[in-house]
């Protein structure tokens, strides 16, 4: 296969081939949201979402995206992380660790996009956002 058709790999898209590399990527990205794609080169469903995954990484330069290819040498990595099928996605959130585990084949990929957008907006908004409905809660309690 030629690499010409492959989309550009964004700078924030890393590859982890071993559990050590995987842990290093997560450590290096502490304080950031991390989105992981588990895939196999021979898996058609994985290939189908690759351009979408690359596009998403390009859209969120402040989020770390990690690709973990399955090989004969690292099958234990996927088993250790309890990845049930491919392609599969993980989302890690700062201080919370693994917050989402989901199928990310074409049918489910929009779900991943939605979750990433949601976590991303939550992360950016937490500092400025002061919940204003705290008074309403108190009022609601009085009514009961």
N, C-alpha and C. Protein backbone atom coordinates (compact mmCIF):
# COMPACT_ATOMS: atom_id res chain seq x y z
N UNK A 1 0.83 -1.21 0.00
CA UNK A 1 0.00 0.00 0.00
C UNK A 1 0.85 1.24 0.00
N UNK A 2 0.41 2.26 -0.72
CA UNK A 2 1.14 3.52 -0.72
C UNK A 2 0.63 4.38 0.41
N UNK A 3 1.48 5.24 0.93
CA UNK A 3 1.08 6.09 2.05
C UNK A 3 0.49 7.39 1.53
N UNK A 4 0.40 7.52 0.20
CA UNK A 4 -0.08 8.78 -0.37
C UNK A 4 -1.51 9.09 0.05
N UNK A 5 -2.35 8.05 0.10
CA UNK A 5 -3.76 8.28 0.41
C UNK A 5 -3.98 8.51 1.91
N UNK A 6 -2.99 8.17 2.71
CA UNK A 6 -3.16 8.33 4.15
C UNK A 6 -3.15 9.81 4.50
N UNK A 7 -4.09 10.24 5.34
CA UNK A 7 -4.12 11.65 5.72
C UNK A 7 -2.90 12.01 6.57
N UNK A 8 -2.58 13.29 6.61
CA UNK A 8 -1.47 13.77 7.44
C UNK A 8 -1.72 13.42 8.90
N UNK A 9 -0.66 13.02 9.57
CA UNK A 9 -0.80 12.72 11.00
C UNK A 9 -0.59 14.01 11.80
N UNK A 10 -1.63 14.45 12.49
CA UNK A 10 -1.47 15.68 13.29
C UNK A 10 -0.41 15.48 14.38
N UNK A 11 0.20 16.58 14.81
CA UNK A 11 1.29 16.52 15.79
C UNK A 11 0.83 15.96 17.13
N UNK A 12 -0.46 16.13 17.45
CA UNK A 12 -0.96 15.68 18.74
C UNK A 12 -1.46 14.24 18.69
N UNK A 13 -1.19 13.56 17.58
CA UNK A 13 -1.60 12.16 17.43
C UNK A 13 -0.38 11.26 17.60
N UNK A 14 -0.35 10.52 18.70
CA UNK A 14 0.79 9.68 19.04
C UNK A 14 0.47 8.21 18.73
N UNK A 15 1.51 7.40 18.70
CA UNK A 15 1.31 5.96 18.53
C UNK A 15 1.98 5.24 19.69
N UNK A 16 1.28 4.26 20.24
CA UNK A 16 1.86 3.46 21.32
C UNK A 16 1.85 1.99 20.90
N UNK A 17 3.02 1.38 20.89
CA UNK A 17 3.13 -0.02 20.47
C UNK A 17 3.22 -0.98 21.64
N UNK A 18 3.55 -0.45 22.81
CA UNK A 18 3.70 -1.32 23.99
C UNK A 18 2.99 -0.69 25.17
N UNK A 19 2.81 -1.46 26.21
CA UNK A 19 2.16 -0.96 27.42
C UNK A 19 2.99 0.18 28.02
N UNK A 20 4.32 0.05 27.94
CA UNK A 20 5.20 1.10 28.47
C UNK A 20 4.95 2.41 27.72
N UNK A 21 4.95 2.31 26.38
CA UNK A 21 4.72 3.51 25.57
C UNK A 21 3.36 4.10 25.87
N UNK A 22 2.39 3.22 26.04
CA UNK A 22 1.02 3.66 26.31
C UNK A 22 0.97 4.44 27.63
N UNK A 23 1.60 3.87 28.65
CA UNK A 23 1.63 4.55 29.96
C UNK A 23 2.40 5.86 29.87
N UNK A 24 3.49 5.86 29.10
CA UNK A 24 4.27 7.09 28.93
C UNK A 24 3.42 8.19 28.28
N UNK A 25 2.68 7.80 27.25
CA UNK A 25 1.82 8.79 26.56
C UNK A 25 0.82 9.39 27.54
N UNK A 26 0.23 8.52 28.36
CA UNK A 26 -0.75 9.01 29.34
C UNK A 26 -0.09 9.91 30.37
N UNK A 27 1.10 9.52 30.82
CA UNK A 27 1.83 10.33 31.80
C UNK A 27 2.18 11.70 31.23
N UNK A 28 2.69 11.69 29.99
CA UNK A 28 3.09 12.94 29.35
C UNK A 28 1.90 13.87 29.15
N UNK A 29 0.72 13.28 29.06
CA UNK A 29 -0.47 14.07 28.78
C UNK A 29 -1.31 14.33 30.03
N UNK A 30 -0.69 14.17 31.20
CA UNK A 30 -1.47 14.41 32.41
C UNK A 30 -1.91 15.87 32.40
N UNK A 31 -3.14 16.11 32.80
CA UNK A 31 -3.69 17.45 32.71
C UNK A 31 -4.40 17.70 31.40
N UNK A 32 -4.31 16.72 30.48
CA UNK A 32 -5.01 16.85 29.21
C UNK A 32 -6.02 15.72 29.07
N UNK A 33 -7.00 15.95 28.19
CA UNK A 33 -7.89 14.86 27.81
C UNK A 33 -7.10 13.99 26.83
N UNK A 34 -7.24 12.68 26.94
CA UNK A 34 -6.57 11.77 26.01
C UNK A 34 -7.62 10.87 25.36
N UNK A 35 -7.58 10.81 24.04
CA UNK A 35 -8.50 9.96 23.29
C UNK A 35 -7.69 8.87 22.61
N UNK A 36 -8.05 7.62 22.86
CA UNK A 36 -7.28 6.50 22.36
C UNK A 36 -8.08 5.70 21.34
N UNK A 37 -7.40 5.30 20.27
CA UNK A 37 -8.03 4.43 19.26
C UNK A 37 -7.24 3.13 19.21
N UNK A 38 -7.89 2.04 19.57
CA UNK A 38 -7.29 0.71 19.42
C UNK A 38 -7.72 0.18 18.06
N UNK A 39 -6.76 -0.27 17.28
CA UNK A 39 -7.09 -0.72 15.93
C UNK A 39 -6.13 -1.80 15.46
N UNK A 40 -6.44 -2.38 14.31
CA UNK A 40 -5.53 -3.33 13.68
C UNK A 40 -5.42 -2.95 12.21
N UNK A 41 -4.24 -3.11 11.65
CA UNK A 41 -4.02 -2.70 10.27
C UNK A 41 -4.85 -3.54 9.30
N UNK A 42 -5.17 -4.77 9.69
CA UNK A 42 -5.92 -5.65 8.80
C UNK A 42 -7.43 -5.53 8.99
N UNK A 43 -7.84 -4.63 9.88
CA UNK A 43 -9.27 -4.52 10.20
C UNK A 43 -9.92 -3.42 9.35
N UNK A 44 -10.85 -3.83 8.48
CA UNK A 44 -11.49 -2.88 7.55
C UNK A 44 -12.26 -1.79 8.29
N UNK A 45 -12.96 -2.18 9.36
CA UNK A 45 -13.75 -1.20 10.12
C UNK A 45 -12.83 -0.16 10.76
N UNK A 46 -11.62 -0.58 11.12
CA UNK A 46 -10.66 0.35 11.72
C UNK A 46 -10.16 1.34 10.68
N UNK A 47 -9.88 0.81 9.47
CA UNK A 47 -9.42 1.67 8.38
C UNK A 47 -10.47 2.71 8.04
N UNK A 48 -11.73 2.30 8.09
CA UNK A 48 -12.83 3.17 7.67
C UNK A 48 -12.92 4.44 8.53
N UNK A 49 -12.57 4.33 9.81
CA UNK A 49 -12.70 5.51 10.68
C UNK A 49 -11.40 6.28 10.82
N UNK A 50 -10.32 5.78 10.23
CA UNK A 50 -9.03 6.45 10.42
C UNK A 50 -9.06 7.93 9.99
N UNK A 51 -9.58 8.24 8.79
CA UNK A 51 -9.61 9.65 8.39
C UNK A 51 -10.41 10.51 9.36
N UNK A 52 -11.50 9.98 9.86
CA UNK A 52 -12.33 10.72 10.83
C UNK A 52 -11.55 10.97 12.12
N UNK A 53 -10.80 9.96 12.53
CA UNK A 53 -10.02 10.08 13.77
C UNK A 53 -8.93 11.14 13.60
N UNK A 54 -8.26 11.11 12.44
CA UNK A 54 -7.22 12.10 12.15
C UNK A 54 -7.81 13.50 12.10
N UNK A 55 -8.99 13.61 11.47
CA UNK A 55 -9.66 14.91 11.38
C UNK A 55 -9.98 15.44 12.77
N UNK A 56 -10.48 14.54 13.61
CA UNK A 56 -10.85 14.93 14.98
C UNK A 56 -9.60 15.41 15.74
N UNK A 57 -8.49 14.71 15.56
CA UNK A 57 -7.25 15.11 16.22
C UNK A 57 -6.82 16.50 15.75
N UNK A 58 -7.00 16.78 14.47
CA UNK A 58 -6.63 18.08 13.92
C UNK A 58 -7.53 19.19 14.48
N UNK A 59 -8.79 18.83 14.77
CA UNK A 59 -9.75 19.80 15.30
C UNK A 59 -9.47 20.15 16.76
N UNK A 60 -8.85 19.22 17.48
CA UNK A 60 -8.61 19.42 18.91
C UNK A 60 -7.12 19.33 19.21
N UNK A 61 -6.36 20.35 18.80
CA UNK A 61 -4.89 20.27 18.97
C UNK A 61 -4.45 20.21 20.43
N UNK A 62 -5.32 20.63 21.35
CA UNK A 62 -4.95 20.65 22.78
C UNK A 62 -5.30 19.33 23.47
N UNK A 63 -5.88 18.41 22.72
CA UNK A 63 -6.18 17.08 23.27
C UNK A 63 -5.16 16.10 22.68
N UNK A 64 -4.73 15.14 23.48
CA UNK A 64 -3.79 14.13 22.98
C UNK A 64 -4.57 12.95 22.42
N UNK A 65 -4.25 12.55 21.21
CA UNK A 65 -4.85 11.38 20.59
C UNK A 65 -3.78 10.31 20.47
N UNK A 66 -4.13 9.10 20.87
CA UNK A 66 -3.16 8.01 20.83
C UNK A 66 -3.75 6.85 20.04
N UNK A 67 -2.96 6.33 19.11
CA UNK A 67 -3.37 5.14 18.35
C UNK A 67 -2.58 3.95 18.86
N UNK A 68 -3.28 2.85 19.10
CA UNK A 68 -2.62 1.64 19.58
C UNK A 68 -2.91 0.50 18.60
N UNK A 69 -1.96 0.23 17.70
CA UNK A 69 -2.16 -0.86 16.74
C UNK A 69 -1.97 -2.22 17.40
N UNK A 70 -2.83 -3.15 17.05
CA UNK A 70 -2.67 -4.52 17.54
C UNK A 70 -1.64 -5.21 16.67
N UNK A 71 -0.65 -5.82 17.31
CA UNK A 71 0.30 -6.64 16.57
C UNK A 71 0.43 -7.97 17.30
N UNK A 72 1.13 -8.89 16.68
CA UNK A 72 1.34 -10.19 17.33
C UNK A 72 2.12 -10.01 18.63
N UNK A 73 2.87 -8.92 18.71
CA UNK A 73 3.76 -8.73 19.85
C UNK A 73 3.07 -8.06 21.03
N UNK A 74 1.94 -7.37 20.79
CA UNK A 74 1.36 -6.62 21.90
C UNK A 74 -0.10 -6.96 22.17
N UNK A 75 -0.52 -8.14 21.73
CA UNK A 75 -1.91 -8.53 21.98
C UNK A 75 -2.23 -8.47 23.47
N UNK A 76 -1.23 -8.72 24.30
CA UNK A 76 -1.43 -8.68 25.76
C UNK A 76 -1.78 -7.28 26.23
N UNK A 77 -1.35 -6.27 25.46
CA UNK A 77 -1.66 -4.88 25.81
C UNK A 77 -3.17 -4.68 25.76
N UNK A 78 -3.80 -5.14 24.70
CA UNK A 78 -5.24 -4.96 24.54
C UNK A 78 -6.01 -5.81 25.56
N UNK A 79 -5.49 -7.02 25.81
CA UNK A 79 -6.14 -7.88 26.81
C UNK A 79 -6.03 -7.23 28.18
N UNK A 80 -4.86 -6.68 28.48
CA UNK A 80 -4.64 -6.05 29.78
C UNK A 80 -5.56 -4.86 29.99
N UNK A 81 -5.87 -4.16 28.89
CA UNK A 81 -6.75 -2.99 28.98
C UNK A 81 -8.20 -3.37 28.72
N UNK A 82 -8.44 -4.66 28.60
CA UNK A 82 -9.79 -5.19 28.41
C UNK A 82 -10.51 -4.56 27.22
N UNK A 83 -9.81 -4.53 26.09
CA UNK A 83 -10.41 -4.05 24.85
C UNK A 83 -11.14 -5.22 24.20
N UNK A 84 -12.47 -5.16 24.13
CA UNK A 84 -13.26 -6.31 23.69
C UNK A 84 -13.33 -6.50 22.19
N UNK A 85 -13.21 -5.40 21.44
CA UNK A 85 -13.37 -5.49 19.99
C UNK A 85 -12.62 -4.33 19.35
N UNK A 86 -12.48 -4.38 18.04
CA UNK A 86 -11.80 -3.31 17.31
C UNK A 86 -12.71 -2.78 16.21
N UNK A 87 -12.65 -1.51 15.88
CA UNK A 87 -11.90 -0.47 16.60
C UNK A 87 -12.59 -0.12 17.91
N UNK A 88 -11.79 0.29 18.88
CA UNK A 88 -12.33 0.58 20.20
C UNK A 88 -11.71 1.87 20.70
N UNK A 89 -12.46 2.63 21.49
CA UNK A 89 -11.96 3.90 21.96
C UNK A 89 -11.96 4.02 23.47
N UNK A 90 -10.99 4.74 23.98
CA UNK A 90 -10.92 5.11 25.39
C UNK A 90 -10.82 6.63 25.46
N UNK A 91 -11.46 7.22 26.46
CA UNK A 91 -11.25 8.64 26.75
C UNK A 91 -10.78 8.76 28.19
N UNK A 92 -9.65 9.44 28.36
CA UNK A 92 -9.12 9.71 29.70
C UNK A 92 -9.31 11.18 30.00
N UNK A 93 -9.71 11.48 31.24
CA UNK A 93 -9.95 12.85 31.64
C UNK A 93 -9.00 13.19 32.78
N UNK A 94 -8.46 14.42 32.79
CA UNK A 94 -7.48 14.78 33.84
C UNK A 94 -8.01 14.46 35.24
N UNK A 95 -7.19 13.83 36.04
CA UNK A 95 -7.49 13.49 37.44
C UNK A 95 -8.58 12.44 37.61
N UNK A 96 -9.32 12.14 36.54
CA UNK A 96 -10.38 11.15 36.68
C UNK A 96 -9.97 9.81 36.08
N UNK A 97 -8.97 9.85 35.19
CA UNK A 97 -8.53 8.62 34.54
C UNK A 97 -9.47 8.23 33.43
N UNK A 98 -9.66 6.93 33.26
CA UNK A 98 -10.47 6.40 32.16
C UNK A 98 -11.95 6.69 32.44
N UNK A 99 -12.57 7.52 31.60
CA UNK A 99 -13.97 7.89 31.82
C UNK A 99 -14.92 7.27 30.79
N UNK A 100 -14.38 6.90 29.63
CA UNK A 100 -15.24 6.29 28.60
C UNK A 100 -14.54 5.14 27.93
N UNK A 101 -15.29 4.07 27.69
CA UNK A 101 -14.80 2.95 26.89
C UNK A 101 -15.92 2.64 25.91
N UNK A 102 -15.64 2.67 24.62
CA UNK A 102 -16.72 2.49 23.65
C UNK A 102 -16.26 1.94 22.31
N UNK A 103 -17.20 1.29 21.64
CA UNK A 103 -16.96 0.89 20.26
C UNK A 103 -16.91 2.15 19.41
N UNK A 104 -16.00 2.20 18.45
CA UNK A 104 -15.91 3.40 17.62
C UNK A 104 -15.91 3.08 16.13
N UNK A 105 -16.55 1.95 15.75
CA UNK A 105 -16.71 1.68 14.33
C UNK A 105 -17.63 2.75 13.75
N UNK A 106 -17.71 2.82 12.42
CA UNK A 106 -18.44 3.91 11.75
C UNK A 106 -19.79 4.22 12.37
N UNK A 107 -20.51 3.16 12.71
CA UNK A 107 -21.85 3.31 13.27
C UNK A 107 -21.80 4.05 14.62
N UNK A 108 -20.75 3.81 15.40
CA UNK A 108 -20.67 4.37 16.75
C UNK A 108 -19.77 5.61 16.84
N UNK A 109 -19.04 5.89 15.76
CA UNK A 109 -18.05 6.96 15.81
C UNK A 109 -18.64 8.32 16.21
N UNK A 110 -19.85 8.66 15.71
CA UNK A 110 -20.44 9.93 16.12
C UNK A 110 -20.58 10.05 17.64
N UNK A 111 -20.77 8.94 18.31
CA UNK A 111 -20.86 8.94 19.77
C UNK A 111 -19.55 9.38 20.40
N UNK A 112 -18.44 8.94 19.82
CA UNK A 112 -17.12 9.34 20.31
C UNK A 112 -16.92 10.84 20.10
N UNK A 113 -17.29 11.31 18.91
CA UNK A 113 -17.15 12.73 18.59
C UNK A 113 -17.93 13.58 19.59
N UNK A 114 -19.15 13.14 19.88
CA UNK A 114 -20.02 13.87 20.81
C UNK A 114 -19.40 13.91 22.20
N UNK A 115 -18.89 12.75 22.66
CA UNK A 115 -18.29 12.67 23.99
C UNK A 115 -17.06 13.57 24.10
N UNK A 116 -16.21 13.53 23.06
CA UNK A 116 -14.99 14.35 23.08
C UNK A 116 -15.37 15.83 23.15
N UNK A 117 -16.37 16.22 22.35
CA UNK A 117 -16.80 17.62 22.35
C UNK A 117 -17.30 18.00 23.74
N UNK A 118 -18.04 17.09 24.36
CA UNK A 118 -18.63 17.32 25.67
C UNK A 118 -17.55 17.47 26.75
N UNK A 119 -16.61 16.53 26.75
CA UNK A 119 -15.52 16.61 27.74
C UNK A 119 -14.67 17.84 27.50
N UNK A 120 -14.46 18.16 26.23
CA UNK A 120 -13.62 19.30 25.89
C UNK A 120 -14.26 20.59 26.37
N UNK A 121 -15.53 20.78 26.11
CA UNK A 121 -16.19 22.01 26.54
C UNK A 121 -16.26 22.08 28.06
N UNK A 122 -16.42 20.92 28.69
CA UNK A 122 -16.45 20.89 30.15
C UNK A 122 -15.12 21.32 30.73
N UNK A 123 -14.04 20.85 30.11
CA UNK A 123 -12.70 21.16 30.62
C UNK A 123 -12.41 22.63 30.46
N UNK A 124 -12.79 23.23 29.32
CA UNK A 124 -12.48 24.63 29.08
C UNK A 124 -13.35 25.52 29.95
N UNK A 125 -14.56 25.07 30.22
CA UNK A 125 -15.52 25.95 30.88
C UNK A 125 -15.49 25.90 32.40
N UNK A 126 -14.83 24.94 32.99
CA UNK A 126 -14.92 24.77 34.44
C UNK A 126 -14.45 26.00 35.20
N UNK A 127 -13.37 26.61 34.76
CA UNK A 127 -12.81 27.74 35.50
C UNK A 127 -13.77 28.93 35.53
N UNK A 128 -14.27 29.28 34.34
CA UNK A 128 -15.11 30.48 34.27
C UNK A 128 -16.53 30.18 34.73
N UNK A 129 -16.93 28.94 34.65
CA UNK A 129 -18.33 28.63 34.88
C UNK A 129 -18.65 28.51 36.36
N UNK A 130 -19.49 29.41 36.84
CA UNK A 130 -19.96 29.32 38.22
C UNK A 130 -21.44 28.94 38.14
N UNK A 131 -21.83 27.80 38.70
CA UNK A 131 -23.22 27.40 38.58
C UNK A 131 -24.14 28.43 39.21
N UNK A 132 -25.09 28.93 38.43
CA UNK A 132 -25.97 29.99 38.93
C UNK A 132 -27.25 29.43 39.53
N UNK A 133 -27.48 28.15 39.31
CA UNK A 133 -28.76 27.59 39.76
C UNK A 133 -28.68 27.07 41.19
N UNK A 134 -27.62 27.43 41.93
CA UNK A 134 -27.51 26.92 43.29
C UNK A 134 -28.63 27.46 44.17
N UNK A 135 -29.07 28.70 43.89
CA UNK A 135 -30.16 29.28 44.67
C UNK A 135 -31.47 28.53 44.39
N UNK A 136 -31.65 28.20 43.12
CA UNK A 136 -32.87 27.47 42.73
C UNK A 136 -32.95 26.15 43.50
N UNK A 137 -31.82 25.49 43.64
CA UNK A 137 -31.81 24.22 44.37
C UNK A 137 -32.32 24.42 45.79
N UNK A 138 -31.85 25.48 46.42
CA UNK A 138 -32.27 25.77 47.80
C UNK A 138 -33.76 26.05 47.83
N UNK A 139 -34.22 26.82 46.82
CA UNK A 139 -35.63 27.16 46.76
C UNK A 139 -36.48 25.90 46.56
N UNK A 140 -35.98 25.03 45.71
CA UNK A 140 -36.71 23.80 45.41
C UNK A 140 -36.85 22.94 46.67
N UNK A 141 -35.78 22.96 47.49
CA UNK A 141 -35.83 22.16 48.72
C UNK A 141 -36.88 22.71 49.68
N UNK A 142 -37.00 24.02 49.72
CA UNK A 142 -37.98 24.64 50.62
C UNK A 142 -39.39 24.22 50.26
N UNK A 143 -39.63 24.15 48.94
CA UNK A 143 -40.98 23.81 48.48
C UNK A 143 -41.41 22.42 48.93
N UNK A 144 -40.44 21.51 48.96
CA UNK A 144 -40.78 20.12 49.30
C UNK A 144 -41.19 20.00 50.76
